[in-house]
Amino acid sequence: MLTLFTEYNESQHLLPPGQEVLLAVSGGRDSATLAHLCHAAGIPFAVAHCNFNLRPGECDRDEAFVADLAGRYGAPLHVERYDTLAYARQHGQGVEEAARELRYAFFARLCHRHGYPCVATAHHRDDSIETFFLNLFRGTGLHGLHGIRPAAELPTADGTLRVVRPLLCFARADIDAYVEREGLAYVDDHTNSQLGARRNRIRLQLMPLLRELYPGVDATMEHNMRRLAEAEAVYSRHVDALRRQLLQPYASALPTPHPPLTGIRTDSLLALEPRRTLLYELLRGYGVGAATVDDLLAALPTAGGQLFHTATHSLTLHRGWLLAAPLGAAPQPTIGTAEVPRPERWDRSGRTLYVDADRVVPPLTLRPWRAGDRFHPFGMRQSRLVSDFLTDLHLSRLEKAWVWLLEDGAGRIVWVVGLRADDRFRVSGQTERILRIDLAEGA
């Protein structure tokens, strides 16, 4: 088994030779086997353990066992404890999703803090097959049908985390036999035998039935997943080419800082075939799920303007474009003010405003616009709703949300920043003092 472990690791380029890697160790037989094989292969490693406090008594037992295991191998130990149930409630997540998020965020912090090139987990072939069926039954594209990959790059708050699975070449039975032959100590998680979790039901009920009906199904599934991974590679190259061709930066008319806008022309979108599948693949990086794609396609024949939100982005249909932007408010612009003499040449770049200083009640403050805000657009004597003015500029709903107002101490709008001044503060022949307001460069 050590020979196969070494050969698989080298062929898949998983564990960099001579570098200390991080092992995710729960204390169960799989991660105990991973630690033992790495030690036997001369691979230096540190140990990371998460105590999720989900099984009273057992979690502390597991933590103590892992600490002892790390000590026996002379490996650095990193332990993190969580109130996982509270975290799940706070973030509106299931417990499994919350634990996974916490676990990989912990691994990423450790890798970036200590320079570990990757974290190795103890997933094996049976885990990969179970993942295939989990994804198949809840609905997925090709990317969900290749099982677990030997290596993956996961985005985290601390940057990209490289995750490797050096045991994917082994079945659960191989690991069980190795544990018995080597006399390895480990701890059991009693929840693995409970049928409440879908994965447990697949492992304990579905897989035994499939093995009875189709002896050799594990090897067949391994080959199927390999072929699906190869098909996905071909498919992904086509999607990547389409993404480079169709997704492009969208030039906003806003002079103030704002999140980046990306767009697809709707005529290009309508030419896609199969449209739903390809649109899903093009937008998957924006957190778009199948339901949102259906909503977008249903909205295509309309005038547009609807907002669609994912966990990471907002999207809208606007004047022949499907636009997307990351969630988050636009940063507040920076302005500078100075009293100046009447200029010989007026700056008409749109980033500078001249106002009658005697008409402005200090202090000047910046704020986002709100529904119901009114001002007197330059050149007009009557007031207008800011919302109507922004519509006349043909701004998308995403861009409208990023517009800032400059307001004086009397609560009057002096400037829809970078877009239009208020006529009440215009410089006239009777103006005695001129206030120059500049939008800072880079703002």
Protein backbone atom coordinates (compact mmCIF):
# COMPACT_ATOMS: atom_id res chain seq x y z
CA MET A 1 0.00 0.00 0.00
CA LEU A 2 2.91 2.35 0.72
CA THR A 3 4.26 1.77 -2.80
CA LEU A 4 0.90 2.58 -4.42
CA PHE A 5 0.51 5.62 -2.15
CA THR A 6 3.91 6.94 -3.24
CA GLU A 7 3.32 6.21 -6.93
CA TYR A 8 -0.11 7.85 -6.89
CA ASN A 9 1.20 10.88 -5.05
CA GLU A 10 4.03 11.30 -7.58
CA SER A 11 1.88 10.69 -10.67
CA GLN A 12 -0.71 13.24 -9.55
CA HIS A 13 1.88 15.74 -8.23
CA LEU A 14 0.05 16.02 -4.90
CA LEU A 15 2.56 16.34 -2.06
CA PRO A 16 5.59 18.49 -2.94
CA PRO A 17 8.79 16.58 -2.08
CA GLY A 18 10.71 17.95 0.87
CA GLN A 19 8.04 20.46 1.90
CA GLU A 20 6.08 20.23 5.13
CA VAL A 21 2.40 19.80 4.26
CA LEU A 22 -0.70 20.21 6.39
CA LEU A 23 -2.77 17.09 7.13
CA ALA A 24 -6.44 17.40 8.07
CA VAL A 25 -6.80 14.79 10.82
CA SER A 26 -10.12 14.01 12.46
CA GLY A 27 -8.77 10.96 14.30
CA GLY A 28 -10.81 8.42 12.31
CA ARG A 29 -9.30 5.47 10.51
CA ASP A 30 -8.93 7.31 7.18
CA SER A 31 -6.96 10.27 8.52
CA ALA A 32 -4.97 7.98 10.87
CA THR A 33 -3.97 5.98 7.78
CA LEU A 34 -3.02 9.15 5.90
CA ALA A 35 -0.75 10.27 8.73
CA HIS A 36 0.84 6.82 9.01
CA LEU A 37 1.53 6.60 5.25
CA CYS A 38 2.99 10.11 5.10
CA HIS A 39 5.29 9.28 8.01
CA ALA A 40 6.34 5.99 6.41
CA ALA A 41 6.99 7.77 3.09
CA GLY A 42 9.17 10.38 4.78
CA ILE A 43 6.81 13.25 3.99
CA PRO A 44 7.10 15.97 6.67
CA PHE A 45 3.73 17.18 7.90
CA ALA A 46 1.83 19.24 10.44
CA VAL A 47 -1.55 18.25 11.83
CA ALA A 48 -4.75 20.34 11.78
CA HIS A 49 -7.77 19.30 13.81
CA CYS A 50 -11.20 20.94 14.10
CA ASN A 51 -13.27 20.44 17.24
CA PHE A 52 -16.81 21.30 16.12
CA ASN A 53 -18.39 20.56 19.51
CA LEU A 54 -21.22 18.64 17.87
CA ARG A 55 -20.87 15.35 19.78
CA PRO A 56 -20.70 15.91 23.55
CA GLY A 57 -17.73 14.07 25.01
CA GLU A 58 -16.62 12.51 21.73
CA CYS A 59 -15.27 15.73 20.22
CA ASP A 60 -12.95 16.33 23.18
CA ARG A 61 -11.92 12.68 23.06
CA ASP A 62 -11.08 13.04 19.35
CA GLU A 63 -9.07 16.20 20.00
CA ALA A 64 -7.02 14.48 22.71
CA PHE A 65 -6.39 11.48 20.44
CA VAL A 66 -5.19 13.71 17.58
CA ALA A 67 -2.89 15.62 19.94
CA ASP A 68 -1.37 12.30 21.01
CA LEU A 69 -1.04 11.16 17.39
CA ALA A 70 0.75 14.37 16.40
CA GLY A 71 3.06 13.98 19.38
CA ARG A 72 3.95 10.41 18.39
CA TYR A 73 4.95 11.59 14.90
CA GLY A 74 6.69 14.73 16.18
CA ALA A 75 4.35 16.84 14.02
CA PRO A 76 3.29 20.43 14.80
CA LEU A 77 -0.34 20.50 15.96
CA HIS A 78 -2.98 23.13 15.18
CA VAL A 79 -6.39 22.87 16.85
CA GLU A 80 -9.43 25.12 16.45
CA ARG A 81 -12.65 24.84 18.47
CA TYR A 82 -16.02 26.08 17.26
CA ASP A 83 -19.58 26.59 18.37
CA THR A 84 -20.74 25.16 15.06
CA LEU A 85 -24.47 25.22 15.82
CA ALA A 86 -24.35 28.93 16.69
CA TYR A 87 -22.35 29.67 13.55
CA ALA A 88 -24.84 27.75 11.40
CA ARG A 89 -27.79 29.66 12.92
CA GLN A 90 -26.03 33.00 12.51
CA HIS A 91 -25.29 32.39 8.82
CA GLY A 92 -28.51 30.56 7.95
CA GLN A 93 -26.65 27.38 7.03
CA GLY A 94 -27.01 23.68 7.63
CA VAL A 95 -24.61 22.19 10.14
CA GLU A 96 -22.62 20.27 7.50
CA GLU A 97 -22.24 23.37 5.33
CA ALA A 98 -21.18 25.47 8.33
CA ALA A 99 -18.61 22.86 9.45
CA ARG A 100 -17.16 22.66 5.95
CA GLU A 101 -16.88 26.45 5.70
CA LEU A 102 -15.20 26.70 9.10
CA ARG A 103 -12.86 23.80 8.37
CA TYR A 104 -11.51 25.09 5.08
CA ALA A 105 -11.22 28.67 6.33
CA PHE A 106 -9.07 27.29 9.18
CA PHE A 107 -6.90 25.31 6.78
CA ALA A 108 -6.43 28.36 4.54
CA ARG A 109 -5.33 30.53 7.46
CA LEU A 110 -2.81 27.92 8.55
CA CYS A 111 -1.39 27.45 5.05
CA HIS A 112 -0.94 31.17 4.49
CA ARG A 113 0.39 31.84 7.99
CA HIS A 114 2.89 28.96 8.10
CA GLY A 115 3.68 28.54 4.41
CA TYR A 116 2.24 25.04 3.98
CA PRO A 117 1.88 24.45 0.21
CA CYS A 118 -1.37 22.50 0.58
CA VAL A 119 -3.72 20.70 2.94
CA ALA A 120 -4.13 16.94 2.46
CA THR A 121 -7.43 15.31 3.31
CA ALA A 122 -8.13 11.58 3.71
CA HIS A 123 -10.87 11.20 1.09
CA HIS A 124 -10.78 7.81 -0.64
CA ARG A 125 -12.45 6.19 -3.66
CA ASP A 126 -15.67 5.30 -1.81
CA ASP A 127 -16.04 8.96 -0.73
CA SER A 128 -15.71 9.99 -4.37
CA ILE A 129 -18.41 7.56 -5.52
CA GLU A 130 -20.74 8.69 -2.73
CA THR A 131 -20.17 12.31 -3.78
CA PHE A 132 -21.09 11.39 -7.36
CA PHE A 133 -24.46 10.04 -6.25
CA LEU A 134 -25.11 12.92 -3.84
CA ASN A 135 -24.59 15.42 -6.66
CA LEU A 136 -26.51 13.34 -9.18
CA PHE A 137 -29.62 13.05 -7.01
CA ARG A 138 -29.79 16.70 -6.00
CA GLY A 139 -29.07 17.93 -9.55
CA THR A 140 -25.81 19.02 -11.09
CA GLY A 141 -23.95 19.72 -14.28
CA LEU A 142 -20.97 17.78 -15.57
CA HIS A 143 -18.74 19.42 -12.99
CA GLY A 144 -20.58 17.55 -10.23
CA LEU A 145 -20.26 14.10 -11.80
CA HIS A 146 -16.52 13.53 -11.70
CA GLY A 147 -16.55 12.74 -7.99
CA ILE A 148 -13.74 14.13 -5.88
CA ARG A 149 -10.67 15.34 -7.74
CA PRO A 150 -7.16 14.41 -6.61
CA ALA A 151 -6.40 18.13 -6.23
CA ALA A 152 -8.44 21.31 -6.19
CA GLU A 153 -7.92 25.03 -5.72
CA LEU A 154 -10.55 26.45 -3.35
CA PRO A 155 -11.16 30.20 -3.07
CA THR A 156 -11.22 31.43 0.54
CA ALA A 157 -11.12 34.77 2.34
CA ASP A 158 -7.36 34.26 2.79
CA GLY A 159 -6.72 33.48 -0.87
CA THR A 160 -6.65 30.24 -2.82
CA LEU A 161 -6.24 27.02 -0.84
CA ARG A 162 -4.75 23.96 -2.53
CA VAL A 163 -6.45 20.77 -1.32
CA VAL A 164 -4.99 17.37 -2.20
CA ARG A 165 -6.40 13.86 -1.64
CA PRO A 166 -3.55 11.31 -1.65
CA LEU A 167 -5.82 8.38 -0.69
CA LEU A 168 -8.19 8.54 -3.68
CA CYS A 169 -6.46 5.53 -5.20
CA PHE A 170 -7.68 3.34 -2.29
CA ALA A 171 -11.06 1.87 -1.48
CA ARG A 172 -12.46 1.92 2.05
CA ALA A 173 -11.75 -1.83 2.26
CA ASP A 174 -8.07 -1.18 1.43
CA ILE A 175 -7.84 1.27 4.30
CA ASP A 176 -9.62 -1.07 6.71
CA ALA A 177 -7.17 -3.84 5.84
CA TYR A 178 -4.20 -1.50 6.28
CA VAL A 179 -5.43 -0.33 9.69
CA GLU A 180 -5.80 -3.92 10.86
CA ARG A 181 -2.47 -5.05 9.42
CA GLU A 182 -0.51 -2.14 10.93
CA GLY A 183 -2.46 -2.13 14.19
CA LEU A 184 -3.29 1.57 13.86
CA ALA A 185 -5.18 3.29 16.64
CA TYR A 186 -8.11 5.52 15.69
CA VAL A 187 -11.37 6.90 17.07
CA ASP A 188 -14.86 6.12 15.82
CA ASP A 189 -17.50 8.74 15.07
CA HIS A 190 -20.79 7.07 16.02
CA THR A 191 -22.74 9.44 13.73
CA ASN A 192 -21.22 7.70 10.70
CA SER A 193 -23.56 4.78 11.36
CA GLN A 194 -26.69 6.91 11.66
CA LEU A 195 -29.05 7.08 8.68
CA GLY A 196 -30.06 10.71 9.11
CA ALA A 197 -27.37 12.06 6.79
CA ARG A 198 -27.84 11.44 3.06
CA ARG A 199 -24.22 10.43 2.61
CA ASN A 200 -24.58 7.77 5.30
CA ARG A 201 -27.65 6.36 3.58
CA ILE A 202 -25.80 6.17 0.29
CA ARG A 203 -22.87 4.42 1.98
CA LEU A 204 -24.89 2.07 4.19
CA GLN A 205 -27.94 1.32 2.03
CA LEU A 206 -27.47 2.27 -1.63
CA MET A 207 -23.91 1.08 -2.20
CA PRO A 208 -24.43 -2.41 -0.69
CA LEU A 209 -27.48 -2.84 -2.94
CA LEU A 210 -25.55 -1.70 -6.02
CA ARG A 211 -22.69 -4.07 -5.21
CA GLU A 212 -25.18 -6.90 -4.91
CA LEU A 213 -26.81 -6.04 -8.25
CA TYR A 214 -23.59 -5.13 -10.06
CA PRO A 215 -20.47 -6.79 -8.65
CA GLY A 216 -17.51 -4.61 -9.56
CA VAL A 217 -19.62 -1.45 -9.52
CA ASP A 218 -16.87 0.45 -7.65
CA ALA A 219 -14.34 -0.07 -10.43
CA THR A 220 -17.01 0.71 -13.04
CA MET A 221 -17.91 3.95 -11.26
CA GLU A 222 -14.25 4.91 -11.02
CA HIS A 223 -13.91 4.48 -14.80
CA ASN A 224 -17.19 6.35 -15.42
CA MET A 225 -16.07 9.29 -13.32
CA ARG A 226 -12.73 9.40 -15.11
CA ARG A 227 -14.50 9.52 -18.50
CA LEU A 228 -16.89 12.20 -17.24
CA ALA A 229 -13.93 14.25 -16.01
CA GLU A 230 -12.36 14.00 -19.47
CA ALA A 231 -15.67 15.01 -21.10
CA GLU A 232 -15.91 17.93 -18.70
CA ALA A 233 -12.43 19.07 -19.68
CA VAL A 234 -13.51 19.26 -23.35
CA TYR A 235 -16.77 20.97 -22.38
CA SER A 236 -14.98 23.43 -20.10
CA ARG A 237 -12.61 24.50 -22.86
CA HIS A 238 -15.62 25.41 -25.01
CA VAL A 239 -17.29 27.28 -22.13
CA ASP A 240 -14.06 29.13 -21.30
CA ALA A 241 -13.74 30.21 -24.94
CA LEU A 242 -17.34 31.47 -24.91
CA ARG A 243 -16.74 33.28 -21.63
CA ARG A 244 -13.72 35.09 -23.08
CA GLN A 245 -15.72 35.95 -26.19
CA LEU A 246 -19.00 37.06 -24.59
CA LEU A 247 -18.28 38.36 -21.09
CA GLN A 248 -16.73 41.80 -21.26
CA PRO A 249 -16.24 44.81 -19.01
CA TYR A 250 -19.14 47.26 -19.18
CA ALA A 251 -18.16 50.93 -19.36
CA SER A 252 -20.23 52.80 -16.80
CA ALA A 253 -20.97 56.51 -17.15
CA LEU A 254 -20.32 56.98 -13.44
CA PRO A 255 -17.20 59.04 -12.69
CA THR A 256 -17.25 58.00 -9.03
CA PRO A 257 -15.69 54.75 -7.71
CA HIS A 258 -17.89 51.70 -8.01
CA PRO A 259 -17.66 47.89 -8.20
CA PRO A 260 -16.63 46.52 -11.60
CA LEU A 261 -19.44 45.80 -14.06
CA THR A 262 -19.35 42.84 -16.43
CA GLY A 263 -21.85 42.27 -19.20
CA ILE A 264 -23.12 39.98 -21.93
CA ARG A 265 -25.03 41.39 -24.89
CA THR A 266 -28.52 39.89 -24.81
CA ASP A 267 -28.47 39.26 -28.58
CA SER A 268 -25.38 37.09 -28.02
CA LEU A 269 -27.15 35.41 -25.13
CA LEU A 270 -30.20 34.63 -27.28
CA ALA A 271 -27.94 33.05 -29.89
CA LEU A 272 -26.60 30.49 -27.39
CA GLU A 273 -27.67 26.91 -27.89
CA PRO A 274 -28.42 25.13 -25.61
CA ARG A 275 -29.14 28.51 -24.05
CA ARG A 276 -30.06 27.54 -20.51
CA THR A 277 -27.09 25.23 -19.99
CA LEU A 278 -24.53 27.60 -21.46
CA LEU A 279 -25.88 30.64 -19.61
CA TYR A 280 -25.65 28.68 -16.36
CA GLU A 281 -22.03 27.77 -17.10
CA LEU A 282 -21.12 31.32 -18.12
CA LEU A 283 -22.57 32.77 -14.92
CA ARG A 284 -21.57 30.03 -12.48
CA GLY A 285 -18.65 32.16 -11.28
CA TYR A 286 -21.18 34.76 -10.13
CA GLY A 287 -22.92 32.33 -7.80
CA VAL A 288 -25.87 31.88 -10.17
CA GLY A 289 -27.92 28.74 -9.67
CA ALA A 290 -30.37 26.98 -11.96
CA ALA A 291 -33.39 28.86 -10.56
CA THR A 292 -31.79 32.26 -11.18
CA VAL A 293 -30.97 31.25 -14.76
CA ASP A 294 -34.63 30.35 -15.30
CA ASP A 295 -35.68 33.75 -13.91
CA LEU A 296 -33.20 35.55 -16.16
CA LEU A 297 -34.40 33.71 -19.25
CA ALA A 298 -38.04 34.44 -18.38
CA ALA A 299 -37.21 38.15 -18.03
CA LEU A 300 -35.41 38.40 -21.40
CA PRO A 301 -38.51 39.33 -23.45
CA THR A 302 -39.44 42.12 -20.99
CA ALA A 303 -38.12 45.65 -20.83
CA GLY A 304 -35.63 44.55 -18.19
CA GLY A 305 -34.69 46.38 -15.02
CA GLN A 306 -35.30 43.53 -12.59
CA LEU A 307 -32.58 42.78 -10.07
CA PHE A 308 -31.38 39.23 -9.42
CA HIS A 309 -29.23 38.49 -6.40
CA THR A 310 -26.89 35.61 -5.62
CA ALA A 311 -24.70 35.10 -2.57
CA THR A 312 -21.89 37.05 -4.25
CA HIS A 313 -23.33 39.18 -7.08
CA SER A 314 -26.25 41.23 -8.34
CA LEU A 315 -27.43 41.02 -11.94
CA THR A 316 -29.83 43.01 -14.06
CA LEU A 317 -31.06 43.23 -17.65
CA HIS A 318 -30.49 46.71 -19.06
CA ARG A 319 -30.78 48.13 -22.60
CA GLY A 320 -29.58 45.05 -24.43
CA TRP A 321 -27.16 43.88 -21.75
CA LEU A 322 -27.13 41.36 -18.96
CA LEU A 323 -24.99 43.09 -16.33
CA ALA A 324 -23.36 41.64 -13.23
CA ALA A 325 -21.48 43.24 -10.35
CA PRO A 326 -20.15 41.96 -7.03
CA LEU A 327 -22.30 42.68 -3.99
CA GLY A 328 -21.39 45.69 -1.92
CA ALA A 329 -21.92 49.41 -1.79
CA ALA A 330 -19.80 51.72 -3.90
CA PRO A 331 -16.97 53.29 -1.93
CA GLN A 332 -17.54 56.88 -0.88
CA PRO A 333 -15.89 59.33 -3.25
CA THR A 334 -13.36 61.86 -2.00
CA ILE A 335 -13.86 65.55 -2.63
CA GLY A 336 -11.75 68.63 -2.04
CA THR A 337 -12.96 72.20 -1.68
CA ALA A 338 -11.26 75.57 -2.01
CA GLU A 339 -12.40 79.17 -2.46
CA VAL A 340 -11.00 80.42 -5.77
CA PRO A 341 -11.09 83.57 -7.89
CA ARG A 342 -13.29 83.58 -10.96
CA PRO A 343 -11.40 81.37 -13.42
CA GLU A 344 -10.48 82.50 -16.92
CA ARG A 345 -11.27 78.99 -18.18
CA TRP A 346 -13.85 76.78 -16.51
CA ASP A 347 -13.02 73.12 -15.88
CA ARG A 348 -15.76 71.20 -17.70
CA SER A 349 -14.40 67.68 -17.11
CA GLY A 350 -17.38 66.77 -14.94
CA ARG A 351 -15.06 66.15 -11.99
CA THR A 352 -15.04 69.81 -10.90
CA LEU A 353 -17.94 71.95 -9.75
CA TYR A 354 -18.02 75.72 -9.21
CA VAL A 355 -20.72 77.07 -6.90
CA ASP A 356 -21.69 80.38 -5.34
CA ALA A 357 -20.04 80.07 -1.93
CA ASP A 358 -22.53 82.47 -0.31
CA ARG A 359 -25.46 80.25 -1.22
CA VAL A 360 -23.97 77.13 0.37
CA VAL A 361 -24.73 76.46 4.03
CA PRO A 362 -21.79 74.52 5.53
CA PRO A 363 -20.91 71.80 6.16
CA LEU A 364 -20.93 69.85 2.91
CA THR A 365 -21.57 66.12 3.36
CA LEU A 366 -21.69 63.10 1.06
CA ARG A 367 -24.43 60.50 1.18
CA PRO A 368 -26.03 57.91 -1.11
CA TRP A 369 -29.22 59.11 -2.79
CA ARG A 370 -32.60 57.95 -1.49
CA ALA A 371 -36.04 57.53 -2.99
CA GLY A 372 -37.87 60.86 -2.86
CA ASP A 373 -34.73 63.03 -3.13
CA ARG A 374 -35.29 66.12 -5.28
CA PHE A 375 -32.96 68.71 -6.74
CA HIS A 376 -32.93 71.47 -9.36
CA PRO A 377 -30.85 70.15 -12.27
CA PHE A 378 -28.50 72.78 -13.69
CA GLY A 379 -30.32 74.87 -16.29
CA MET A 380 -33.77 74.09 -14.85
CA ARG A 381 -35.83 76.22 -12.46
CA GLN A 382 -38.15 73.47 -11.29
CA SER A 383 -37.16 70.51 -9.16
CA ARG A 384 -36.90 66.90 -10.32
CA LEU A 385 -36.71 63.58 -8.57
CA VAL A 386 -33.15 62.29 -8.53
CA SER A 387 -34.55 58.89 -9.50
CA ASP A 388 -36.11 60.34 -12.69
CA PHE A 389 -32.90 62.17 -13.53
CA LEU A 390 -30.88 58.95 -13.23
CA THR A 391 -33.37 57.11 -15.42
CA ASP A 392 -32.97 59.81 -18.09
CA LEU A 393 -29.22 59.12 -18.02
CA HIS A 394 -30.00 55.47 -18.89
CA LEU A 395 -28.15 54.17 -15.86
CA SER A 396 -28.80 50.55 -14.94
CA ARG A 397 -30.29 49.71 -11.56
CA LEU A 398 -26.87 48.50 -10.46
CA GLU A 399 -25.28 51.86 -11.34
CA LYS A 400 -28.08 53.86 -9.75
CA ALA A 401 -27.34 52.22 -6.43
CA TRP A 402 -23.79 53.63 -6.55
CA VAL A 403 -24.69 57.32 -7.04
CA TRP A 404 -23.67 59.79 -4.31
CA LEU A 405 -25.07 63.21 -3.43
CA LEU A 406 -23.25 66.24 -2.02
CA GLU A 407 -25.55 67.98 0.42
CA ASP A 408 -25.14 71.29 2.24
CA GLY A 409 -25.94 72.01 5.87
CA ALA A 410 -29.50 73.02 5.00
CA GLY A 411 -30.19 69.55 3.53
CA ARG A 412 -30.15 70.79 -0.07
CA ILE A 413 -28.53 68.76 -2.82
CA VAL A 414 -25.61 70.73 -4.26
CA TRP A 415 -24.32 68.06 -6.64
CA VAL A 416 -25.35 64.67 -7.95
CA VAL A 417 -21.67 63.88 -7.77
CA GLY A 418 -19.98 63.81 -11.15
CA LEU A 419 -23.30 63.92 -13.00
CA ARG A 420 -25.21 67.19 -12.52
CA ALA A 421 -25.01 70.30 -10.36
CA ASP A 422 -27.98 71.95 -8.67
CA ASP A 423 -29.03 75.17 -10.40
CA ARG A 424 -29.68 76.96 -7.09
CA PHE A 425 -25.93 77.19 -6.45
CA ARG A 426 -24.84 78.26 -9.94
CA VAL A 427 -22.21 80.95 -10.35
CA SER A 428 -23.74 84.09 -11.82
CA GLY A 429 -22.52 87.59 -12.66
CA GLN A 430 -23.50 88.68 -9.16
CA THR A 431 -21.50 85.93 -7.43
CA GLU A 432 -18.86 87.42 -5.16
CA ARG A 433 -17.20 84.27 -3.77
CA ILE A 434 -16.66 81.04 -5.73
CA LEU A 435 -16.23 77.65 -4.12
CA ARG A 436 -14.48 75.05 -6.24
CA ILE A 437 -15.37 71.39 -5.48
CA ASP A 438 -13.16 68.69 -6.96
CA LEU A 439 -13.72 64.96 -7.23
CA ALA A 440 -10.38 63.46 -6.28
CA GLU A 441 -8.43 61.56 -8.93
CA GLY A 442 -8.94 57.82 -8.57
CA ALA A 443 -12.25 58.46 -6.86
